[in-house]
C-alpha atoms as a PDB file:
ATOM      1  CA  MET A   1      -2.334  16.186   1.126  1.00  0.00           C
ATOM      2  CA  ARG A   2      -1.687  19.912   1.080  1.00  0.00           C
ATOM      3  CA  GLN A   3       2.263  19.676   0.959  1.00  0.00           C
ATOM      4  CA  HIS A   4       1.896  17.495  -2.221  1.00  0.00           C
ATOM      5  CA  GLU A   5      -0.463  20.347  -3.789  1.00  0.00           C
ATOM      6  CA  GLU A   6       2.049  22.834  -2.895  1.00  0.00           C
ATOM      7  CA  GLN A   7       4.902  20.747  -4.649  1.00  0.00           C
ATOM      8  CA  GLY A   8       2.704  20.618  -7.730  1.00  0.00           C
ATOM      9  CA  TRP A   9       1.227  17.159  -7.294  1.00  0.00           C
ATOM     10  CA  ILE A  10      -2.456  16.447  -8.001  1.00  0.00           C
ATOM     11  CA  PRO A  11      -4.437  13.862  -6.221  1.00  0.00           C
ATOM     12  CA  LEU A  12      -6.276  11.232  -8.419  1.00  0.00           C
ATOM     13  CA  LEU A  13      -9.511  10.097  -7.030  1.00  0.00           C
ATOM     14  CA  ILE A  14     -11.638   7.856  -9.184  1.00  0.00           C
ATOM     15  CA  HIS A  15     -15.036   6.859  -7.668  1.00  0.00           C
ATOM     16  CA  THR A  16     -15.618   3.263  -8.357  1.00  0.00           C
ATOM     17  CA  PRO A  17     -18.529   0.955  -7.142  1.00  0.00           C
ATOM     18  CA  PRO A  18     -17.142  -2.185  -5.183  1.00  0.00           C
ATOM     19  CA  GLU A  19     -18.778  -4.641  -7.932  1.00  0.00           C
ATOM     20  CA  ARG A  20     -16.519  -5.183 -10.724  1.00  0.00           C
ATOM     21  CA  ALA A  21     -16.246  -2.271 -13.024  1.00  0.00           C
ATOM     22  CA  GLU A  22     -15.374  -2.250 -17.138  1.00  0.00           C
ATOM     23  CA  PRO A  23     -12.202  -0.792 -18.217  1.00  0.00           C
ATOM     24  CA  ARG A  24     -12.409   2.810 -18.853  1.00  0.00           C
ATOM     25  CA  ALA A  25     -10.234   5.540 -20.395  1.00  0.00           C
ATOM     26  CA  VAL A  26      -9.229   8.452 -17.884  1.00  0.00           C
ATOM     27  CA  PRO A  27      -8.140  11.433 -20.519  1.00  0.00           C
ATOM     28  CA  ARG A  28      -6.815  13.660 -17.907  1.00  0.00           C
ATOM     29  CA  VAL A  29      -6.733  13.890 -13.923  1.00  0.00           C
ATOM     30  CA  GLN A  30      -9.491  16.058 -12.646  1.00  0.00           C
ATOM     31  CA  ARG A  31      -8.585  18.617 -10.051  1.00  0.00           C
ATOM     32  CA  ASN A  32     -10.190  19.832  -7.036  1.00  0.00           C
ATOM     33  CA  LEU A  33     -11.189  16.521  -5.456  1.00  0.00           C
ATOM     34  CA  HIS A  34     -10.932  15.805  -2.007  1.00  0.00           C
ATOM     35  CA  PRO A  35      -8.845  13.041  -0.587  1.00  0.00           C
ATOM     36  CA  VAL A  36     -11.328  12.227   2.137  1.00  0.00           C
ATOM     37  CA  SER A  37     -14.454  10.693   0.138  1.00  0.00           C
ATOM     38  CA  THR A  38     -15.994   7.562  -0.805  1.00  0.00           C
ATOM     39  CA  GLY A  39     -13.124   7.298  -3.366  1.00  0.00           C
ATOM     40  CA  VAL A  40      -9.571   6.365  -3.231  1.00  0.00           C
ATOM     41  CA  SER A  41      -6.290   8.102  -3.824  1.00  0.00           C
ATOM     42  CA  ALA A  42      -4.648   5.897  -6.659  1.00  0.00           C
ATOM     43  CA  ILE A  43      -1.158   4.495  -6.884  1.00  0.00           C
ATOM     44  CA  VAL A  44       0.061   5.928 -10.367  1.00  0.00           C
ATOM     45  CA  THR A  45       3.323   5.345 -12.584  1.00  0.00           C
ATOM     46  CA  PRO A  46       4.176   8.243 -14.787  1.00  0.00           C
ATOM     47  CA  ALA A  47       2.279   6.626 -18.000  1.00  0.00           C
ATOM     48  CA  TYR A  48      -0.132   4.082 -16.300  1.00  0.00           C
ATOM     49  CA  TYR A  49      -2.143   2.997 -13.513  1.00  0.00           C
ATOM     50  CA  TYR A  50      -3.507  -0.623 -13.747  1.00  0.00           C
ATOM     51  CA  GLY A  51      -6.231  -1.745 -11.758  1.00  0.00           C
ATOM     52  CA  VAL A  52      -9.888  -1.079 -10.878  1.00  0.00           C
ATOM     53  CA  LEU A  53      -9.772   0.871  -7.695  1.00  0.00           C
ATOM     54  CA  ARG A  54     -12.026   0.196  -4.947  1.00  0.00           C
ATOM     55  CA  ARG A  55     -14.085   2.555  -2.497  1.00  0.00           C
ATOM     56  CA  TYR A  56     -11.387   2.389   0.007  1.00  0.00           C
ATOM     57  CA  ARG A  57      -8.949   5.353   0.773  1.00  0.00           C
ATOM     58  CA  VAL A  58      -5.397   4.086   0.430  1.00  0.00           C
ATOM     59  CA  GLY A  59      -3.108   7.156   1.035  1.00  0.00           C
ATOM     60  CA  CYS A  60      -1.791   9.816  -0.725  1.00  0.00           C
ATOM     61  CA  LEU A  61       1.473   8.956  -1.942  1.00  0.00           C
ATOM     62  CA  PRO A  62       0.502   8.146  -5.119  1.00  0.00           C
ATOM     63  CA  CYS A  63      -0.092  11.267  -6.908  1.00  0.00           C
ATOM     64  CA  LEU A  64       0.427  12.598 -10.563  1.00  0.00           C
ATOM     65  CA  LYS A  65       2.615  15.576 -11.510  1.00  0.00           C
ATOM     66  CA  LYS A  66       0.659  18.432 -13.123  1.00  0.00           C
ATOM     67  CA  GLY A  67       0.665  17.625 -17.208  1.00  0.00           C
ATOM     68  CA  GLU A  68       0.869  13.779 -16.739  1.00  0.00           C
ATOM     69  CA  GLU A  69      -1.988  11.701 -17.762  1.00  0.00           C
ATOM     70  CA  VAL A  70      -3.370   8.390 -16.816  1.00  0.00           C
ATOM     71  CA  HIS A  71      -4.364   6.747 -20.187  1.00  0.00           C
ATOM     72  CA  GLU A  72      -6.049   3.668 -19.233  1.00  0.00           C
ATOM     73  CA  ILE A  73      -7.480   1.765 -16.309  1.00  0.00           C
ATOM     74  CA  MET A  74      -7.578  -2.474 -16.785  1.00  0.00           C
ATOM     75  CA  ASP A  75      -9.549  -4.396 -14.127  1.00  0.00           C
ATOM     76  CA  ASP A  76      -7.481  -7.501 -15.091  1.00  0.00           C
ATOM     77  CA  GLU A  77      -4.113  -5.982 -14.208  1.00  0.00           C
ATOM     78  CA  ASN A  78      -4.970  -4.993 -10.456  1.00  0.00           C
ATOM     79  CA  LEU A  79      -3.446  -7.485  -7.833  1.00  0.00           C
ATOM     80  CA  PHE A  80      -6.016  -8.702  -5.501  1.00  0.00           C
ATOM     81  CA  ILE A  81      -4.775  -9.281  -2.073  1.00  0.00           C
ATOM     82  CA  LYS A  82      -6.799 -10.827   0.858  1.00  0.00           C
ATOM     83  CA  VAL A  83      -5.918 -11.271   4.755  1.00  0.00           C
ATOM     84  CA  ASP A  84      -8.203 -13.803   6.721  1.00  0.00           C
ATOM     85  CA  PHE A  85      -9.555 -10.891   9.083  1.00  0.00           C
ATOM     86  CA  ASP A  86     -10.319  -8.214   5.975  1.00  0.00           C
ATOM     87  CA  LYS A  87     -12.726  -5.894   6.717  1.00  0.00           C
ATOM     88  CA  GLY A  88     -13.040  -7.068  10.462  1.00  0.00           C
ATOM     89  CA  ASP A  89     -10.518  -6.570  13.322  1.00  0.00           C
ATOM     90  CA  PHE A  90      -7.005  -7.504  13.818  1.00  0.00           C
ATOM     91  CA  PRO A  91      -6.651 -10.733  15.643  1.00  0.00           C
ATOM     92  CA  LYS A  92      -4.575 -10.054  19.024  1.00  0.00           C
ATOM     93  CA  ARG A  93      -1.519 -12.151  18.071  1.00  0.00           C
ATOM     94  CA  TYR A  94      -0.616  -9.657  15.170  1.00  0.00           C
ATOM     95  CA  THR A  95      -0.691  -6.921  17.780  1.00  0.00           C
ATOM     96  CA  CYS A  96       1.338  -5.448  20.451  1.00  0.00           C
ATOM     97  CA  ASP A  97      -1.057  -6.917  22.775  1.00  0.00           C
ATOM     98  CA  GLY A  98      -0.174 -10.489  21.444  1.00  0.00           C
ATOM     99  CA  GLU A  99       2.717 -11.978  19.883  1.00  0.00           C
ATOM    100  CA  ASP A 100       3.239  -9.073  17.508  1.00  0.00           C
ATOM    101  CA  LEU A 101       3.752 -11.565  14.364  1.00  0.00           C
ATOM    102  CA  SER A 102       3.282 -10.092  10.726  1.00  0.00           C
ATOM    103  CA  PRO A 103      -0.139 -11.564   9.369  1.00  0.00           C
ATOM    104  CA  ARG A 104      -0.357 -13.680   6.084  1.00  0.00           C
ATOM    105  CA  ILE A 105      -1.395 -11.995   2.909  1.00  0.00           C
ATOM    106  CA  ASP A 106      -2.380 -13.819  -0.032  1.00  0.00           C
ATOM    107  CA  ILE A 107      -1.831 -12.420  -3.558  1.00  0.00           C
ATOM    108  CA  ASP A 108      -3.560 -12.969  -6.746  1.00  0.00           C
ATOM    109  CA  ARG A 109      -3.499 -11.620 -10.408  1.00  0.00           C
ATOM    110  CA  ILE A 110       0.307 -11.036 -10.328  1.00  0.00           C
ATOM    111  CA  HIS A 111       1.623 -10.092 -13.564  1.00  0.00           C
ATOM    112  CA  SER A 112       4.904  -8.227 -11.943  1.00  0.00           C
ATOM    113  CA  PRO A 113       8.434  -9.845 -11.337  1.00  0.00           C
ATOM    114  CA  PHE A 114       8.893  -8.102  -7.841  1.00  0.00           C
ATOM    115  CA  LEU A 115       6.340  -7.310  -5.046  1.00  0.00           C
ATOM    116  CA  ALA A 116       6.752  -4.641  -2.478  1.00  0.00           C
ATOM    117  CA  VAL A 117       4.291  -4.551   0.895  1.00  0.00           C
ATOM    118  CA  ILE A 118       3.588  -1.423   3.016  1.00  0.00           C
ATOM    119  CA  ILE A 119       1.021  -1.593   6.079  1.00  0.00           C
ATOM    120  CA  ASP A 120      -0.143   2.087   7.192  1.00  0.00           C
ATOM    121  CA  ASP A 121      -2.221   3.406   9.874  1.00  0.00           C
ATOM    122  CA  TRP A 122      -4.054   6.856   8.573  1.00  0.00           C
ATOM    123  CA  ILE A 123      -4.346   8.665  12.131  1.00  0.00           C
ATOM    124  CA  GLY A 124      -5.361  11.864  10.463  1.00  0.00           C
ATOM    125  CA  PRO A 125      -6.675  13.092   6.639  1.00  0.00           C
ATOM    126  CA  ASP A 126      -2.985  14.053   5.712  1.00  0.00           C
ATOM    127  CA  GLU A 127      -1.016  11.671   8.085  1.00  0.00           C
ATOM    128  CA  ARG A 128      -0.241   8.308   8.235  1.00  0.00           C
ATOM    129  CA  PHE A 129       2.056   5.715  10.661  1.00  0.00           C
ATOM    130  CA  THR A 130       3.756   3.188   9.015  1.00  0.00           C
ATOM    131  CA  HIS A 131       3.896  -0.340  10.198  1.00  0.00           C
ATOM    132  CA  TRP A 132       5.840  -2.617   7.665  1.00  0.00           C
ATOM    133  CA  LEU A 133       7.934  -1.654   4.918  1.00  0.00           C
ATOM    134  CA  ILE A 134       9.213  -4.883   2.737  1.00  0.00           C
ATOM    135  CA  TRP A 135      10.317  -5.211  -1.052  1.00  0.00           C
ATOM    136  CA  ASP A 136      12.264  -6.591  -3.458  1.00  0.00           C
ATOM    137  CA  ILE A 137      10.034  -9.750  -3.153  1.00  0.00           C
ATOM    138  CA  GLU A 138      10.341 -11.890  -6.003  1.00  0.00           C
ATOM    139  CA  ALA A 139       6.676 -12.616  -7.371  1.00  0.00           C
ATOM    140  CA  ARG A 140       4.882 -15.226  -5.101  1.00  0.00           C
ATOM    141  CA  PRO A 141       1.161 -16.103  -4.398  1.00  0.00           C
ATOM    142  CA  PHE A 142       1.339 -15.174  -0.381  1.00  0.00           C
ATOM    143  CA  ILE A 143       3.618 -13.718   2.260  1.00  0.00           C
ATOM    144  CA  PRO A 144       3.494 -16.235   5.169  1.00  0.00           C
ATOM    145  CA  GLU A 145       2.852 -14.852   8.874  1.00  0.00           C
ATOM    146  CA  ASN A 146       5.900 -14.397  11.269  1.00  0.00           C
ATOM    147  CA  ILE A 147       8.391 -12.790   8.857  1.00  0.00           C
ATOM    148  CA  PRO A 148      11.703 -12.377  10.943  1.00  0.00           C
ATOM    149  CA  ARG A 149      12.567  -8.898  11.856  1.00  0.00           C
ATOM    150  CA  ASN A 150      15.709  -8.753   9.851  1.00  0.00           C
ATOM    151  CA  ALA A 151      16.751  -5.992   7.692  1.00  0.00           C
ATOM    152  CA  VAL A 152      18.049  -8.463   4.898  1.00  0.00           C
ATOM    153  CA  LEU A 153      15.850 -11.674   4.615  1.00  0.00           C
ATOM    154  CA  ALA A 154      17.033 -15.085   3.078  1.00  0.00           C
ATOM    155  CA  ASP A 155      14.146 -17.026   4.819  1.00  0.00           C
ATOM    156  CA  PRO A 156      11.184 -17.742   4.024  1.00  0.00           C
ATOM    157  CA  PHE A 157      12.321 -15.773   0.936  1.00  0.00           C
ATOM    158  CA  PRO A 158      14.966 -13.354  -0.190  1.00  0.00           C
ATOM    159  CA  ALA A 159      14.080  -9.409   0.541  1.00  0.00           C
ATOM    160  CA  PHE A 160      14.625  -6.208   2.108  1.00  0.00           C
ATOM    161  CA  GLN A 161      12.592  -4.767   5.138  1.00  0.00           C
ATOM    162  CA  GLY A 162      13.082  -1.157   6.075  1.00  0.00           C
ATOM    163  CA  THR A 163      12.459   0.893   9.418  1.00  0.00           C
ATOM    164  CA  ASN A 164       8.941   1.645  10.442  1.00  0.00           C
ATOM    165  CA  ASP A 165       7.895   4.544  12.310  1.00  0.00           C
ATOM    166  CA  PHE A 166       8.229   2.618  15.667  1.00  0.00           C
ATOM    167  CA  GLY A 167      11.856   3.128  14.376  1.00  0.00           C
ATOM    168  CA  THR A 168      12.647  -0.665  14.358  1.00  0.00           C
ATOM    169  CA  ILE A 169      13.231  -2.715  11.481  1.00  0.00           C
ATOM    170  CA  GLY A 170      10.364  -5.074   9.870  1.00  0.00           C
ATOM    171  CA  TYR A 171       6.669  -5.367  10.907  1.00  0.00           C
ATOM    172  CA  ARG A 172       5.097  -3.905  14.102  1.00  0.00           C
ATOM    173  CA  GLY A 173       1.498  -4.466  14.645  1.00  0.00           C
ATOM    174  CA  PRO A 174      -1.271  -2.211  15.680  1.00  0.00           C
ATOM    175  CA  CYS A 175      -0.857  -0.601  18.873  1.00  0.00           C
ATOM    176  CA  PRO A 176      -3.296   2.424  19.405  1.00  0.00           C
ATOM    177  CA  PRO A 177      -3.647   4.461  22.565  1.00  0.00           C
ATOM    178  CA  PRO A 178      -6.240   2.866  24.736  1.00  0.00           C
ATOM    179  CA  GLY A 179      -9.816   3.625  24.148  1.00  0.00           C
ATOM    180  CA  GLN A 180      -9.053   4.490  20.159  1.00  0.00           C
ATOM    181  CA  THR A 181      -9.858   2.181  17.195  1.00  0.00           C
ATOM    182  CA  HIS A 182      -7.481   2.702  14.305  1.00  0.00           C
ATOM    183  CA  THR A 183      -8.024   1.608  10.682  1.00  0.00           C
ATOM    184  CA  TYR A 184      -4.818  -0.474   8.961  1.00  0.00           C
ATOM    185  CA  TYR A 185      -4.573  -0.438   5.099  1.00  0.00           C
ATOM    186  CA  PHE A 186      -2.574  -3.408   3.167  1.00  0.00           C
ATOM    187  CA  ASN A 187      -0.780  -2.006   0.384  1.00  0.00           C
ATOM    188  CA  VAL A 188       0.786  -4.409  -2.169  1.00  0.00           C
ATOM    189  CA  TYR A 189       2.743  -3.059  -5.129  1.00  0.00           C
ATOM    190  CA  GLY A 190       3.853  -4.823  -8.151  1.00  0.00           C
ATOM    191  CA  LEU A 191       7.062  -3.747  -9.456  1.00  0.00           C
ATOM    192  CA  ASP A 192       9.046  -4.050 -12.923  1.00  0.00           C
ATOM    193  CA  ALA A 193      12.198  -4.256 -11.136  1.00  0.00           C
ATOM    194  CA  LYS A 194      14.304  -4.477  -7.882  1.00  0.00           C
ATOM    195  CA  LEU A 195      14.443  -1.206  -6.262  1.00  0.00           C
ATOM    196  CA  GLY A 196      18.332  -1.144  -5.226  1.00  0.00           C
ATOM    197  CA  ILE A 197      17.722   0.688  -2.224  1.00  0.00           C
ATOM    198  CA  ALA A 198      19.548  -0.328   1.154  1.00  0.00           C
ATOM    199  CA  ALA A 199      18.196  -2.680   3.790  1.00  0.00           C
ATOM    200  CA  GLY A 200      16.696  -0.682   6.841  1.00  0.00           C
ATOM    201  CA  SER A 201      15.659   2.331   4.582  1.00  0.00           C
ATOM    202  CA  GLY A 202      12.791   4.527   5.558  1.00  0.00           C
ATOM    203  CA  ARG A 203       9.433   5.022   4.139  1.00  0.00           C
ATOM    204  CA  ALA A 204      10.484   8.114   2.217  1.00  0.00           C
ATOM    205  CA  ALA A 205      13.074   6.577   0.373  1.00  0.00           C
ATOM    206  CA  LEU A 206      10.978   3.501  -0.815  1.00  0.00           C
ATOM    207  CA  ASP A 207       8.363   5.740  -1.855  1.00  0.00           C
ATOM    208  CA  LYS A 208      11.256   7.560  -4.237  1.00  0.00           C
ATOM    209  CA  ALA A 209      12.481   4.382  -5.274  1.00  0.00           C
ATOM    210  CA  MET A 210       9.159   2.981  -6.237  1.00  0.00           C
ATOM    211  CA  LYS A 211       8.446   5.804  -8.413  1.00  0.00           C
ATOM    212  CA  GLY A 212       8.450   4.653 -12.206  1.00  0.00           C
ATOM    213  CA  HIS A 213       8.544   0.958 -11.114  1.00  0.00           C
ATOM    214  CA  MET A 214       4.898   0.440  -9.920  1.00  0.00           C
ATOM    215  CA  VAL A 215       3.008  -1.581 -12.722  1.00  0.00           C
ATOM    216  CA  GLN A 216       0.457  -3.180 -10.592  1.00  0.00           C
ATOM    217  CA  TYR A 217      -1.554  -2.287  -7.047  1.00  0.00           C
ATOM    218  CA  GLY A 218      -3.493  -4.065  -4.839  1.00  0.00           C
ATOM    219  CA  GLY A 219      -5.146  -1.921  -1.690  1.00  0.00           C
ATOM    220  CA  GLN A 220      -8.616  -3.814  -1.168  1.00  0.00           C
ATOM    221  CA  ALA A 221      -7.576  -5.289   2.502  1.00  0.00           C
ATOM    222  CA  ILE A 222      -8.181  -3.203   5.626  1.00  0.00           C
ATOM    223  CA  ALA A 223      -8.744  -4.068   9.209  1.00  0.00           C
ATOM    224  CA  THR A 224      -9.157  -2.369  12.462  1.00  0.00           C
ATOM    225  CA  TYR A 225      -8.032  -2.595  16.021  1.00  0.00           C
ATOM    226  CA  ASN A 226      -9.333  -1.105  19.417  1.00  0.00           C
ATOM    227  CA  ARG A 227      -7.504  -1.519  22.698  1.00  0.00           C
END
């Protein structure tokens, strides 16, 4: 987070109880809020962030430039995502100790033509390890399990996949060091257009391409794994 602040970015943290919240105006981003808290860092477009934010921290990529404003938060526009083991333990079949298959992700409240999915392991306050990058998915109610590890997908749907932090294409499951428990965050983004970046691109390229195109966000699903 420190490097973002040095580059002129302000973390947006909003404390919201887990129950349904009323839409409310946020006239300007508050400063001096720490990223590690019961709040979350919000995914923000240059003008609007749609969605009620849950109590789970989802990362520091989404930040606002100094002087930018968030005008409104609309609960009905938030993506709702679900995995069968949400708030629990990753089944072994989706990890490096099993078949290492990508899990099914259900998505509801979609009002965007395209989707992108990122799975992160936050291994420190400012350090993440990315396990999956997939984008240019035409809006659909679920991502089936066992997506092939191809940079260019045709089946089960057209999409592009990027290079994860293992240095491979597609999904790689949890594989923490023995004796450690890590927490994994499922992030789904609603986009207003295809991104136009090359298959196999890395996290930095995807983050850059999504700026200005994120109109929905869903980051409620988390799971842990211990070896």
